[in-house]
Amino acid sequence: MPAGRTCLRSFRTRDCAPHMGYKKITMEPNKKIALVAHDNMKRDLLEWAKFNRDLLAHHKVFATGTTGAMLERELGFPVTKLQSGPLGGDQQIGAKIVDNEIDFLIFFWDPLEQQAHDPDVKALLRMAVVWNIPTACDRATADFIISSPLMDKAYDRLVPDYTAYRKRKVPGVEAPALPIAGMTEAKKRRPADTAGAPGAVAT
């Protein structure tokens, strides 16, 4: 492999691209926080949210399905409610992370029970890492993050510049078009190209 090039194995490709630089995305003092919990973890999330109610109140809170309705009722402030996780709520949050509409994820997922939408859960957690947003998957981590002095300040998070990945060469895509049986160069010409040629017959 040439010096100064790194293989993007994390994207399941064998193509190599120049080393990625970084760009900054500013997180404002009022954060956009997603709160998600599997059924067996909803009580833990509710207890955590009620304990930190005053800290959460001046941020914008998103939540999936029944979790959102429960939080809005118990916390007493508006919560942006999305679909239930198995119905696409996790994918909605992942899309908002990509669009910079969510910059903080608290996700109490159940480590002891398989979920019907496990692929969505994995995809959501992957997007959180791809876009380098703070993520807590248990109460201890959530406590440390919510009590950080950075919570109420603007913060520039570093995100890899994916321009090189977007412009990477994909094998076969830029290859010359395959010939079409029976098609000659003359047949490829448009009528306008041959209308004024010597010997052309008007129709």
N, C-alpha and C. Protein backbone atom coordinates (compact mmCIF):
# COMPACT_ATOMS: atom_id res chain seq x y z
N MET A 1 0.85 -1.20 0.00
CA MET A 1 0.00 0.00 0.00
C MET A 1 0.88 1.24 0.00
N PRO A 2 0.62 2.23 -0.89
CA PRO A 2 1.46 3.43 -0.93
C PRO A 2 1.42 4.17 0.39
N ALA A 3 2.53 4.87 0.69
CA ALA A 3 2.60 5.65 1.92
C ALA A 3 1.55 6.75 1.90
N GLY A 4 0.99 7.04 3.08
CA GLY A 4 0.03 8.11 3.18
C GLY A 4 -1.39 7.72 2.81
N ARG A 5 -1.62 6.42 2.59
CA ARG A 5 -2.96 5.96 2.24
C ARG A 5 -3.40 4.93 3.26
N THR A 6 -4.68 4.95 3.56
CA THR A 6 -5.22 4.03 4.56
C THR A 6 -6.43 3.33 4.00
N CYS A 7 -6.59 2.06 4.33
CA CYS A 7 -7.69 1.29 3.80
C CYS A 7 -8.93 1.47 4.66
N LEU A 8 -10.07 1.80 4.06
CA LEU A 8 -11.30 2.08 4.80
C LEU A 8 -12.02 0.77 5.11
N ARG A 9 -11.41 -0.07 5.94
CA ARG A 9 -12.00 -1.36 6.25
C ARG A 9 -13.31 -1.21 7.01
N SER A 10 -13.46 -0.10 7.77
CA SER A 10 -14.68 0.08 8.55
C SER A 10 -15.91 0.24 7.66
N PHE A 11 -15.69 0.54 6.37
CA PHE A 11 -16.81 0.70 5.45
C PHE A 11 -16.98 -0.54 4.57
N ARG A 12 -16.37 -1.65 4.98
CA ARG A 12 -16.52 -2.91 4.27
C ARG A 12 -16.13 -2.78 2.79
N THR A 13 -15.04 -2.14 2.54
CA THR A 13 -14.53 -2.02 1.18
C THR A 13 -13.04 -2.28 1.17
N ARG A 14 -12.56 -2.82 0.09
CA ARG A 14 -11.13 -3.08 -0.01
C ARG A 14 -10.42 -1.94 -0.74
N ASP A 15 -11.19 -0.98 -1.21
CA ASP A 15 -10.58 0.18 -1.87
C ASP A 15 -9.86 1.02 -0.84
N CYS A 16 -8.79 1.69 -1.27
CA CYS A 16 -8.06 2.55 -0.37
C CYS A 16 -8.24 4.00 -0.79
N ALA A 17 -8.28 4.89 0.18
CA ALA A 17 -8.50 6.31 -0.08
C ALA A 17 -7.55 7.12 0.75
N PRO A 18 -7.30 8.39 0.39
CA PRO A 18 -6.42 9.23 1.19
C PRO A 18 -6.94 9.34 2.62
N HIS A 19 -6.01 9.52 3.55
CA HIS A 19 -6.37 9.63 4.96
C HIS A 19 -7.35 10.78 5.17
N MET A 20 -8.41 10.51 5.94
CA MET A 20 -9.43 11.53 6.16
C MET A 20 -8.94 12.61 7.11
N GLY A 21 -9.30 13.84 6.78
CA GLY A 21 -9.10 14.93 7.72
C GLY A 21 -10.32 15.04 8.60
N TYR A 22 -10.44 16.15 9.31
CA TYR A 22 -11.57 16.35 10.21
C TYR A 22 -12.19 17.71 9.98
N LYS A 23 -13.48 17.80 10.28
CA LYS A 23 -14.16 19.08 10.26
C LYS A 23 -14.90 19.24 11.58
N LYS A 24 -15.25 20.48 11.91
CA LYS A 24 -15.90 20.77 13.18
C LYS A 24 -17.40 20.98 12.98
N ILE A 25 -18.18 20.41 13.88
CA ILE A 25 -19.62 20.67 13.92
C ILE A 25 -19.92 21.21 15.31
N THR A 26 -20.49 22.39 15.37
CA THR A 26 -20.72 23.05 16.65
C THR A 26 -22.01 22.56 17.29
N MET A 27 -21.90 22.12 18.53
CA MET A 27 -23.06 21.78 19.35
C MET A 27 -23.36 22.99 20.22
N GLU A 28 -24.55 23.55 20.09
CA GLU A 28 -24.91 24.75 20.83
C GLU A 28 -25.10 24.43 22.32
N PRO A 29 -25.12 25.47 23.18
CA PRO A 29 -25.33 25.22 24.62
C PRO A 29 -26.60 24.44 24.91
N ASN A 30 -27.67 24.72 24.15
CA ASN A 30 -28.89 23.94 24.29
C ASN A 30 -28.82 22.75 23.35
N LYS A 31 -28.59 21.58 23.93
CA LYS A 31 -28.37 20.38 23.14
C LYS A 31 -29.68 19.78 22.64
N LYS A 32 -29.54 18.96 21.60
CA LYS A 32 -30.68 18.21 21.04
C LYS A 32 -30.47 16.75 21.43
N ILE A 33 -31.23 16.30 22.44
CA ILE A 33 -30.97 15.03 23.10
C ILE A 33 -32.05 14.01 22.75
N ALA A 34 -31.61 12.82 22.34
CA ALA A 34 -32.54 11.72 22.10
C ALA A 34 -32.49 10.76 23.28
N LEU A 35 -33.66 10.42 23.81
CA LEU A 35 -33.78 9.47 24.91
C LEU A 35 -34.52 8.23 24.39
N VAL A 36 -33.88 7.08 24.50
CA VAL A 36 -34.43 5.83 23.97
C VAL A 36 -34.23 4.74 25.01
N ALA A 37 -35.22 3.85 25.12
CA ALA A 37 -35.08 2.73 26.06
C ALA A 37 -35.92 1.55 25.60
N HIS A 38 -35.34 0.37 25.70
CA HIS A 38 -36.12 -0.84 25.47
C HIS A 38 -37.09 -1.05 26.63
N ASP A 39 -38.08 -1.90 26.43
CA ASP A 39 -39.17 -2.05 27.40
C ASP A 39 -38.66 -2.34 28.81
N ASN A 40 -37.70 -3.26 28.94
CA ASN A 40 -37.21 -3.62 30.27
C ASN A 40 -36.35 -2.53 30.90
N MET A 41 -36.01 -1.50 30.12
CA MET A 41 -35.13 -0.44 30.61
C MET A 41 -35.87 0.89 30.76
N LYS A 42 -37.16 0.92 30.44
CA LYS A 42 -37.90 2.18 30.48
C LYS A 42 -37.98 2.75 31.90
N ARG A 43 -38.16 1.88 32.89
CA ARG A 43 -38.24 2.38 34.26
C ARG A 43 -36.93 3.04 34.66
N ASP A 44 -35.79 2.42 34.28
CA ASP A 44 -34.49 3.02 34.59
C ASP A 44 -34.34 4.39 33.93
N LEU A 45 -34.74 4.47 32.66
CA LEU A 45 -34.62 5.74 31.96
C LEU A 45 -35.52 6.80 32.59
N LEU A 46 -36.73 6.42 32.96
CA LEU A 46 -37.65 7.38 33.57
C LEU A 46 -37.09 7.88 34.91
N GLU A 47 -36.58 6.98 35.74
CA GLU A 47 -36.00 7.40 37.02
C GLU A 47 -34.82 8.34 36.79
N TRP A 48 -33.98 8.02 35.80
CA TRP A 48 -32.82 8.86 35.50
C TRP A 48 -33.27 10.24 35.01
N ALA A 49 -34.27 10.25 34.13
CA ALA A 49 -34.75 11.51 33.57
C ALA A 49 -35.41 12.38 34.64
N LYS A 50 -36.17 11.77 35.53
CA LYS A 50 -36.82 12.54 36.60
C LYS A 50 -35.78 13.13 37.54
N PHE A 51 -34.72 12.37 37.84
CA PHE A 51 -33.66 12.87 38.72
C PHE A 51 -32.95 14.05 38.07
N ASN A 52 -32.82 14.01 36.73
CA ASN A 52 -32.09 15.06 36.00
C ASN A 52 -33.05 15.99 35.26
N ARG A 53 -34.29 16.07 35.74
CA ARG A 53 -35.32 16.82 35.06
C ARG A 53 -34.92 18.28 34.80
N ASP A 54 -34.39 18.96 35.79
CA ASP A 54 -34.04 20.37 35.63
C ASP A 54 -32.90 20.57 34.63
N LEU A 55 -31.99 19.60 34.56
CA LEU A 55 -30.89 19.69 33.59
C LEU A 55 -31.40 19.46 32.17
N LEU A 56 -32.38 18.58 32.02
CA LEU A 56 -32.91 18.27 30.70
C LEU A 56 -33.87 19.33 30.18
N ALA A 57 -34.49 20.08 31.09
CA ALA A 57 -35.60 20.97 30.72
C ALA A 57 -35.20 22.05 29.72
N HIS A 58 -33.96 22.54 29.78
CA HIS A 58 -33.60 23.63 28.85
C HIS A 58 -32.91 23.11 27.59
N HIS A 59 -32.92 21.80 27.42
CA HIS A 59 -32.46 21.22 26.16
C HIS A 59 -33.68 20.75 25.36
N LYS A 60 -33.49 20.45 24.08
CA LYS A 60 -34.58 19.92 23.27
C LYS A 60 -34.51 18.40 23.31
N VAL A 61 -35.58 17.78 23.75
CA VAL A 61 -35.58 16.34 23.97
C VAL A 61 -36.43 15.63 22.92
N PHE A 62 -35.86 14.57 22.36
CA PHE A 62 -36.55 13.68 21.42
C PHE A 62 -36.67 12.31 22.09
N ALA A 63 -37.69 11.55 21.71
CA ALA A 63 -37.83 10.20 22.24
C ALA A 63 -38.68 9.36 21.29
N THR A 64 -38.51 8.05 21.38
CA THR A 64 -39.27 7.15 20.53
C THR A 64 -40.54 6.68 21.23
N GLY A 65 -41.59 6.50 20.44
CA GLY A 65 -42.80 5.83 20.84
C GLY A 65 -43.34 6.10 22.22
N THR A 66 -43.62 5.01 22.95
CA THR A 66 -44.20 5.11 24.29
C THR A 66 -43.25 5.78 25.27
N THR A 67 -41.95 5.68 25.02
CA THR A 67 -40.98 6.35 25.89
C THR A 67 -41.23 7.85 25.88
N GLY A 68 -41.48 8.42 24.71
CA GLY A 68 -41.71 9.86 24.60
C GLY A 68 -42.96 10.29 25.35
N ALA A 69 -44.06 9.55 25.19
CA ALA A 69 -45.30 9.89 25.89
C ALA A 69 -45.12 9.79 27.40
N MET A 70 -44.42 8.76 27.85
CA MET A 70 -44.17 8.58 29.28
C MET A 70 -43.32 9.71 29.84
N LEU A 71 -42.27 10.09 29.12
CA LEU A 71 -41.38 11.15 29.60
C LEU A 71 -42.10 12.50 29.63
N GLU A 72 -42.86 12.79 28.60
CA GLU A 72 -43.56 14.07 28.55
C GLU A 72 -44.55 14.19 29.71
N ARG A 73 -45.23 13.10 30.01
CA ARG A 73 -46.20 13.10 31.10
C ARG A 73 -45.50 13.27 32.46
N GLU A 74 -44.41 12.59 32.68
CA GLU A 74 -43.75 12.60 33.98
C GLU A 74 -42.84 13.81 34.19
N LEU A 75 -42.26 14.34 33.12
CA LEU A 75 -41.32 15.45 33.26
C LEU A 75 -42.00 16.81 33.19
N GLY A 76 -43.14 16.87 32.50
CA GLY A 76 -43.89 18.12 32.48
C GLY A 76 -43.37 19.15 31.50
N PHE A 77 -42.62 18.74 30.49
CA PHE A 77 -42.22 19.67 29.42
C PHE A 77 -42.31 18.93 28.09
N PRO A 78 -42.41 19.68 26.95
CA PRO A 78 -42.62 19.04 25.65
C PRO A 78 -41.47 18.13 25.25
N VAL A 79 -41.82 16.99 24.69
CA VAL A 79 -40.86 16.04 24.14
C VAL A 79 -41.27 15.75 22.69
N THR A 80 -40.34 15.87 21.78
CA THR A 80 -40.63 15.54 20.38
C THR A 80 -40.70 14.03 20.25
N LYS A 81 -41.89 13.52 19.93
CA LYS A 81 -42.11 12.07 19.91
C LYS A 81 -42.02 11.53 18.49
N LEU A 82 -41.22 10.48 18.33
CA LEU A 82 -41.05 9.82 17.04
C LEU A 82 -41.77 8.48 17.07
N GLN A 83 -41.59 7.68 16.04
CA GLN A 83 -42.21 6.35 16.01
C GLN A 83 -41.59 5.44 17.08
N SER A 84 -42.32 4.39 17.41
CA SER A 84 -41.75 3.36 18.28
C SER A 84 -40.55 2.74 17.59
N GLY A 85 -39.57 2.30 18.38
CA GLY A 85 -38.34 1.74 17.81
C GLY A 85 -38.58 0.67 16.76
N PRO A 86 -39.36 -0.38 17.05
CA PRO A 86 -39.59 -1.43 16.06
C PRO A 86 -40.33 -0.96 14.82
N LEU A 87 -40.98 0.21 14.89
CA LEU A 87 -41.72 0.74 13.75
C LEU A 87 -40.93 1.79 12.97
N GLY A 88 -39.65 1.92 13.29
CA GLY A 88 -38.80 2.86 12.55
C GLY A 88 -38.26 4.01 13.37
N GLY A 89 -38.59 4.08 14.66
CA GLY A 89 -38.13 5.19 15.48
C GLY A 89 -36.62 5.28 15.61
N ASP A 90 -35.97 4.12 15.73
CA ASP A 90 -34.50 4.13 15.81
C ASP A 90 -33.89 4.66 14.52
N GLN A 91 -34.48 4.29 13.39
CA GLN A 91 -33.98 4.78 12.10
C GLN A 91 -34.23 6.28 11.97
N GLN A 92 -35.36 6.76 12.50
CA GLN A 92 -35.62 8.20 12.47
C GLN A 92 -34.55 8.96 13.25
N ILE A 93 -34.19 8.45 14.42
CA ILE A 93 -33.16 9.11 15.22
C ILE A 93 -31.82 9.06 14.49
N GLY A 94 -31.51 7.92 13.89
CA GLY A 94 -30.26 7.81 13.13
C GLY A 94 -30.19 8.83 12.00
N ALA A 95 -31.32 9.02 11.30
CA ALA A 95 -31.36 10.00 10.21
C ALA A 95 -31.17 11.42 10.75
N LYS A 96 -31.74 11.71 11.91
CA LYS A 96 -31.59 13.03 12.50
C LYS A 96 -30.15 13.27 12.96
N ILE A 97 -29.48 12.23 13.39
CA ILE A 97 -28.06 12.37 13.74
C ILE A 97 -27.26 12.75 12.50
N VAL A 98 -27.54 12.09 11.39
CA VAL A 98 -26.85 12.38 10.13
C VAL A 98 -27.11 13.82 9.69
N ASP A 99 -28.34 14.30 9.89
CA ASP A 99 -28.73 15.66 9.48
C ASP A 99 -28.41 16.71 10.53
N ASN A 100 -27.70 16.33 11.59
CA ASN A 100 -27.31 17.24 12.67
C ASN A 100 -28.53 17.80 13.41
N GLU A 101 -29.61 17.04 13.47
CA GLU A 101 -30.80 17.45 14.21
C GLU A 101 -30.83 16.83 15.61
N ILE A 102 -29.93 15.90 15.86
CA ILE A 102 -29.72 15.32 17.19
C ILE A 102 -28.22 15.23 17.41
N ASP A 103 -27.76 15.71 18.56
CA ASP A 103 -26.32 15.70 18.80
C ASP A 103 -25.96 15.04 20.13
N PHE A 104 -26.87 14.22 20.67
CA PHE A 104 -26.63 13.61 21.98
C PHE A 104 -27.58 12.43 22.10
N LEU A 105 -27.08 11.26 22.45
CA LEU A 105 -27.92 10.06 22.51
C LEU A 105 -27.80 9.37 23.86
N ILE A 106 -28.94 9.22 24.53
CA ILE A 106 -29.03 8.39 25.73
C ILE A 106 -29.88 7.18 25.35
N PHE A 107 -29.29 6.02 25.30
CA PHE A 107 -29.98 4.82 24.81
C PHE A 107 -29.77 3.69 25.82
N PHE A 108 -30.79 3.45 26.63
CA PHE A 108 -30.74 2.35 27.59
C PHE A 108 -31.28 1.10 26.88
N TRP A 109 -30.38 0.35 26.24
CA TRP A 109 -30.81 -0.86 25.54
C TRP A 109 -30.62 -2.07 26.45
N ASP A 110 -31.44 -3.07 26.19
CA ASP A 110 -31.48 -4.26 27.03
C ASP A 110 -30.41 -5.26 26.58
N PRO A 111 -29.38 -5.51 27.40
CA PRO A 111 -28.31 -6.42 26.99
C PRO A 111 -28.66 -7.90 27.17
N LEU A 112 -29.81 -8.19 27.78
CA LEU A 112 -30.15 -9.57 28.10
C LEU A 112 -31.31 -10.13 27.28
N GLU A 113 -31.85 -9.31 26.37
CA GLU A 113 -32.99 -9.78 25.60
C GLU A 113 -32.85 -9.35 24.15
N GLN A 114 -33.03 -10.31 23.24
CA GLN A 114 -32.95 -10.01 21.81
C GLN A 114 -34.17 -9.22 21.38
N GLN A 115 -33.95 -8.26 20.49
CA GLN A 115 -35.03 -7.41 20.00
C GLN A 115 -35.35 -7.74 18.55
N ALA A 116 -36.61 -7.59 18.19
CA ALA A 116 -37.00 -7.85 16.80
C ALA A 116 -36.31 -6.90 15.84
N HIS A 117 -35.97 -5.71 16.33
CA HIS A 117 -35.35 -4.70 15.47
C HIS A 117 -33.87 -4.51 15.81
N ASP A 118 -33.21 -5.59 16.19
CA ASP A 118 -31.78 -5.50 16.52
C ASP A 118 -30.94 -4.85 15.41
N PRO A 119 -31.20 -5.14 14.13
CA PRO A 119 -30.43 -4.46 13.08
C PRO A 119 -30.56 -2.93 13.15
N ASP A 120 -31.77 -2.44 13.51
CA ASP A 120 -31.97 -0.99 13.63
C ASP A 120 -31.18 -0.43 14.79
N VAL A 121 -31.14 -1.19 15.90
CA VAL A 121 -30.37 -0.76 17.08
C VAL A 121 -28.90 -0.64 16.73
N LYS A 122 -28.38 -1.65 16.05
CA LYS A 122 -26.97 -1.63 15.65
C LYS A 122 -26.69 -0.46 14.71
N ALA A 123 -27.61 -0.21 13.78
CA ALA A 123 -27.42 0.88 12.83
C ALA A 123 -27.43 2.23 13.54
N LEU A 124 -28.31 2.40 14.52
CA LEU A 124 -28.37 3.65 15.27
C LEU A 124 -27.08 3.89 16.04
N LEU A 125 -26.59 2.88 16.73
CA LEU A 125 -25.35 3.04 17.48
C LEU A 125 -24.17 3.29 16.54
N ARG A 126 -24.23 2.70 15.37
CA ARG A 126 -23.16 2.95 14.39
C ARG A 126 -23.17 4.40 13.93
N MET A 127 -24.36 4.97 13.66
CA MET A 127 -24.44 6.36 13.24
C MET A 127 -23.92 7.30 14.33
N ALA A 128 -24.17 6.94 15.59
CA ALA A 128 -23.67 7.77 16.69
C ALA A 128 -22.14 7.83 16.68
N VAL A 129 -21.51 6.72 16.32
CA VAL A 129 -20.04 6.69 16.25
C VAL A 129 -19.55 7.37 14.98
N VAL A 130 -20.21 7.10 13.84
CA VAL A 130 -19.80 7.71 12.57
C VAL A 130 -19.78 9.23 12.68
N TRP A 131 -20.78 9.81 13.38
CA TRP A 131 -20.89 11.26 13.49
C TRP A 131 -20.40 11.79 14.83
N ASN A 132 -19.78 10.92 15.62
CA ASN A 132 -19.06 11.33 16.84
C ASN A 132 -19.92 12.16 17.79
N ILE A 133 -21.10 11.62 18.12
CA ILE A 133 -21.92 12.32 19.10
C ILE A 133 -21.79 11.62 20.45
N PRO A 134 -21.91 12.35 21.56
CA PRO A 134 -21.86 11.73 22.88
C PRO A 134 -22.99 10.70 23.01
N THR A 135 -22.64 9.51 23.50
CA THR A 135 -23.61 8.42 23.60
C THR A 135 -23.46 7.71 24.94
N ALA A 136 -24.57 7.51 25.62
CA ALA A 136 -24.56 6.77 26.88
C ALA A 136 -25.55 5.61 26.77
N CYS A 137 -25.09 4.42 27.11
CA CYS A 137 -25.95 3.24 27.03
C CYS A 137 -26.26 2.64 28.40
N ASP A 138 -25.88 3.33 29.47
CA ASP A 138 -26.19 2.88 30.83
C ASP A 138 -26.26 4.10 31.73
N ARG A 139 -26.79 3.92 32.94
CA ARG A 139 -27.03 5.04 33.84
C ARG A 139 -25.74 5.70 34.30
N ALA A 140 -24.72 4.92 34.56
CA ALA A 140 -23.47 5.50 35.05
C ALA A 140 -22.87 6.45 34.02
N THR A 141 -22.81 6.00 32.76
CA THR A 141 -22.26 6.86 31.71
C THR A 141 -23.14 8.08 31.51
N ALA A 142 -24.46 7.89 31.55
CA ALA A 142 -25.38 9.02 31.40
C ALA A 142 -25.17 10.04 32.53
N ASP A 143 -24.93 9.57 33.76
CA ASP A 143 -24.69 10.47 34.89
C ASP A 143 -23.43 11.30 34.66
N PHE A 144 -22.37 10.66 34.21
CA PHE A 144 -21.12 11.37 33.98
C PHE A 144 -21.28 12.41 32.88
N ILE A 145 -22.01 12.06 31.81
CA ILE A 145 -22.16 12.99 30.68
C ILE A 145 -23.05 14.17 31.06
N ILE A 146 -24.19 13.89 31.68
CA ILE A 146 -25.14 14.97 31.97
C ILE A 146 -24.57 15.96 32.97
N SER A 147 -23.64 15.52 33.81
CA SER A 147 -23.04 16.40 34.82
C SER A 147 -21.78 17.09 34.31
N SER A 148 -21.41 16.83 33.06
CA SER A 148 -20.21 17.46 32.50
C SER A 148 -20.42 18.97 32.32
N PRO A 149 -19.41 19.79 32.61
CA PRO A 149 -19.53 21.24 32.37
C PRO A 149 -19.72 21.58 30.90
N LEU A 150 -19.41 20.65 30.01
CA LEU A 150 -19.59 20.88 28.58
C LEU A 150 -21.06 20.86 28.17
N MET A 151 -21.93 20.33 29.02
CA MET A 151 -23.35 20.22 28.67
C MET A 151 -23.98 21.57 28.39
N ASP A 152 -23.58 22.59 29.10
CA ASP A 152 -24.21 23.91 28.96
C ASP A 152 -23.34 24.91 28.21
N LYS A 153 -22.38 24.39 27.44
CA LYS A 153 -21.51 25.25 26.66
C LYS A 153 -21.54 24.83 25.19
N ALA A 154 -21.18 25.76 24.33
CA ALA A 154 -20.98 25.38 22.93
C ALA A 154 -19.77 24.47 22.85
N TYR A 155 -19.86 23.49 21.98
CA TYR A 155 -18.76 22.51 21.87
C TYR A 155 -18.57 22.15 20.40
N ASP A 156 -17.33 22.21 19.94
CA ASP A 156 -17.01 21.83 18.56
C ASP A 156 -16.57 20.38 18.54
N ARG A 157 -17.43 19.52 18.05
CA ARG A 157 -17.04 18.11 17.96
C ARG A 157 -16.38 17.86 16.61
N LEU A 158 -15.36 17.03 16.62
CA LEU A 158 -14.62 16.71 15.41
C LEU A 158 -15.26 15.52 14.71
N VAL A 159 -15.53 15.68 13.43
CA VAL A 159 -16.13 14.62 12.63
C VAL A 159 -15.24 14.38 11.42
N PRO A 160 -14.93 13.13 11.11
CA PRO A 160 -14.12 12.86 9.92
C PRO A 160 -14.72 13.51 8.68
N ASP A 161 -13.87 14.05 7.83
CA ASP A 161 -14.33 14.61 6.57
C ASP A 161 -14.48 13.46 5.58
N TYR A 162 -15.73 13.10 5.30
CA TYR A 162 -16.00 11.93 4.48
C TYR A 162 -16.00 12.24 2.98
N THR A 163 -15.48 13.40 2.58
CA THR A 163 -15.46 13.76 1.17
C THR A 163 -14.72 12.73 0.33
N ALA A 164 -13.56 12.29 0.82
CA ALA A 164 -12.78 11.31 0.06
C ALA A 164 -13.54 10.00 -0.10
N TYR A 165 -14.28 9.62 0.94
CA TYR A 165 -15.06 8.38 0.85
C TYR A 165 -16.19 8.53 -0.15
N ARG A 166 -16.86 9.71 -0.13
CA ARG A 166 -17.96 9.92 -1.06
C ARG A 166 -17.48 9.91 -2.51
N LYS A 167 -16.24 10.35 -2.74
CA LYS A 167 -15.71 10.47 -4.10
C LYS A 167 -14.83 9.29 -4.48
N ARG A 168 -14.85 8.23 -3.66
CA ARG A 168 -13.99 7.08 -3.93
C ARG A 168 -14.37 6.43 -5.26
N LYS A 169 -13.43 5.73 -5.88
CA LYS A 169 -13.70 5.01 -7.10
C LYS A 169 -14.29 3.65 -6.76
N VAL A 170 -15.43 3.35 -7.38
CA VAL A 170 -16.09 2.07 -7.16
C VAL A 170 -15.80 1.18 -8.37
N PRO A 171 -15.23 -0.01 -8.15
CA PRO A 171 -14.88 -0.88 -9.28
C PRO A 171 -16.05 -1.12 -10.22
N GLY A 172 -15.82 -0.88 -11.52
CA GLY A 172 -16.83 -1.16 -12.53
C GLY A 172 -17.75 0.01 -12.84
N VAL A 173 -17.86 0.98 -11.93
CA VAL A 173 -18.81 2.08 -12.14
C VAL A 173 -18.32 3.03 -13.21
N GLU A 174 -17.01 3.30 -13.24
CA GLU A 174 -16.47 4.27 -14.19
C GLU A 174 -15.91 3.60 -15.44
N ALA A 175 -16.19 2.32 -15.63
CA ALA A 175 -15.70 1.60 -16.81
C ALA A 175 -16.47 2.06 -18.05
N PRO A 176 -15.86 1.96 -19.25
CA PRO A 176 -16.57 2.34 -20.49
C PRO A 176 -17.84 1.52 -20.64
N ALA A 177 -18.84 2.12 -21.27
CA ALA A 177 -20.11 1.41 -21.48
C ALA A 177 -19.89 0.17 -22.33
N LEU A 178 -20.58 -0.91 -22.00
CA LEU A 178 -20.47 -2.14 -22.76
C LEU A 178 -21.16 -1.98 -24.11
N PRO A 179 -20.58 -2.56 -25.19
CA PRO A 179 -21.21 -2.43 -26.52
C PRO A 179 -22.55 -3.14 -26.56
N ILE A 180 -23.48 -2.57 -27.37
CA ILE A 180 -24.81 -3.16 -27.54
C ILE A 180 -24.82 -3.91 -28.86
N ALA A 181 -25.23 -5.17 -28.81
CA ALA A 181 -25.24 -6.00 -30.01
C ALA A 181 -26.04 -5.34 -31.12
N GLY A 182 -25.44 -5.26 -32.34
CA GLY A 182 -26.13 -4.70 -33.49
C GLY A 182 -26.06 -3.20 -33.59
N MET A 183 -25.47 -2.53 -32.59
CA MET A 183 -25.38 -1.07 -32.61
C MET A 183 -24.03 -0.67 -33.17
N THR A 184 -24.02 0.12 -34.27
CA THR A 184 -22.80 0.62 -34.87
C THR A 184 -22.68 2.10 -34.58
N GLU A 185 -21.50 2.66 -34.85
CA GLU A 185 -21.29 4.08 -34.63
C GLU A 185 -22.26 4.92 -35.45
N ALA A 186 -22.56 4.46 -36.68
CA ALA A 186 -23.48 5.22 -37.55
C ALA A 186 -24.87 5.27 -36.93
N LYS A 187 -25.29 4.15 -36.36
CA LYS A 187 -26.62 4.10 -35.77
C LYS A 187 -26.73 4.94 -34.50
N LYS A 188 -25.56 5.17 -33.84
CA LYS A 188 -25.57 5.96 -32.62
C LYS A 188 -25.76 7.44 -32.89
N ARG A 189 -25.45 7.88 -34.15
CA ARG A 189 -25.57 9.29 -34.47
C ARG A 189 -27.03 9.71 -34.47
N ARG A 190 -27.26 10.91 -34.01
CA ARG A 190 -28.61 11.44 -34.01
C ARG A 190 -28.95 11.91 -35.42
N PRO A 191 -30.23 11.96 -35.78
CA PRO A 191 -30.62 12.47 -37.12
C PRO A 191 -30.09 13.85 -37.39
N ALA A 192 -30.00 14.72 -36.34
CA ALA A 192 -29.52 16.07 -36.52
C ALA A 192 -28.06 16.10 -36.91
N ASP A 193 -27.31 15.04 -36.53
CA ASP A 193 -25.89 14.98 -36.86
C ASP A 193 -25.66 14.62 -38.31
N THR A 194 -26.62 13.95 -38.93
CA THR A 194 -26.43 13.49 -40.31
C THR A 194 -27.28 14.24 -41.32
N ALA A 195 -28.16 15.13 -40.82
CA ALA A 195 -29.08 15.82 -41.73
C ALA A 195 -28.36 16.65 -42.76
N GLY A 196 -27.26 17.29 -42.38
CA GLY A 196 -26.57 18.15 -43.31
C GLY A 196 -25.40 17.50 -44.00
N ALA A 197 -25.25 16.19 -43.82
CA ALA A 197 -24.10 15.50 -44.42
C ALA A 197 -24.31 15.33 -45.91
N PRO A 198 -23.22 15.35 -46.71
CA PRO A 198 -23.32 15.17 -48.16
C PRO A 198 -24.05 13.87 -48.47
N GLY A 199 -24.95 13.94 -49.40
CA GLY A 199 -25.67 12.73 -49.83
C GLY A 199 -26.84 12.38 -48.95
N ALA A 200 -27.10 13.22 -47.93
CA ALA A 200 -28.23 12.91 -47.05
C ALA A 200 -29.52 13.15 -47.80
N VAL A 201 -30.48 12.27 -47.62
CA VAL A 201 -31.76 12.35 -48.32
C VAL A 201 -32.80 12.90 -47.36
N ALA A 202 -33.48 13.98 -47.77
CA ALA A 202 -34.51 14.55 -46.93
C ALA A 202 -35.72 13.64 -46.91
N THR A 203 -36.38 13.59 -45.77
CA THR A 203 -37.58 12.76 -45.66
C THR A 203 -38.77 13.65 -45.38
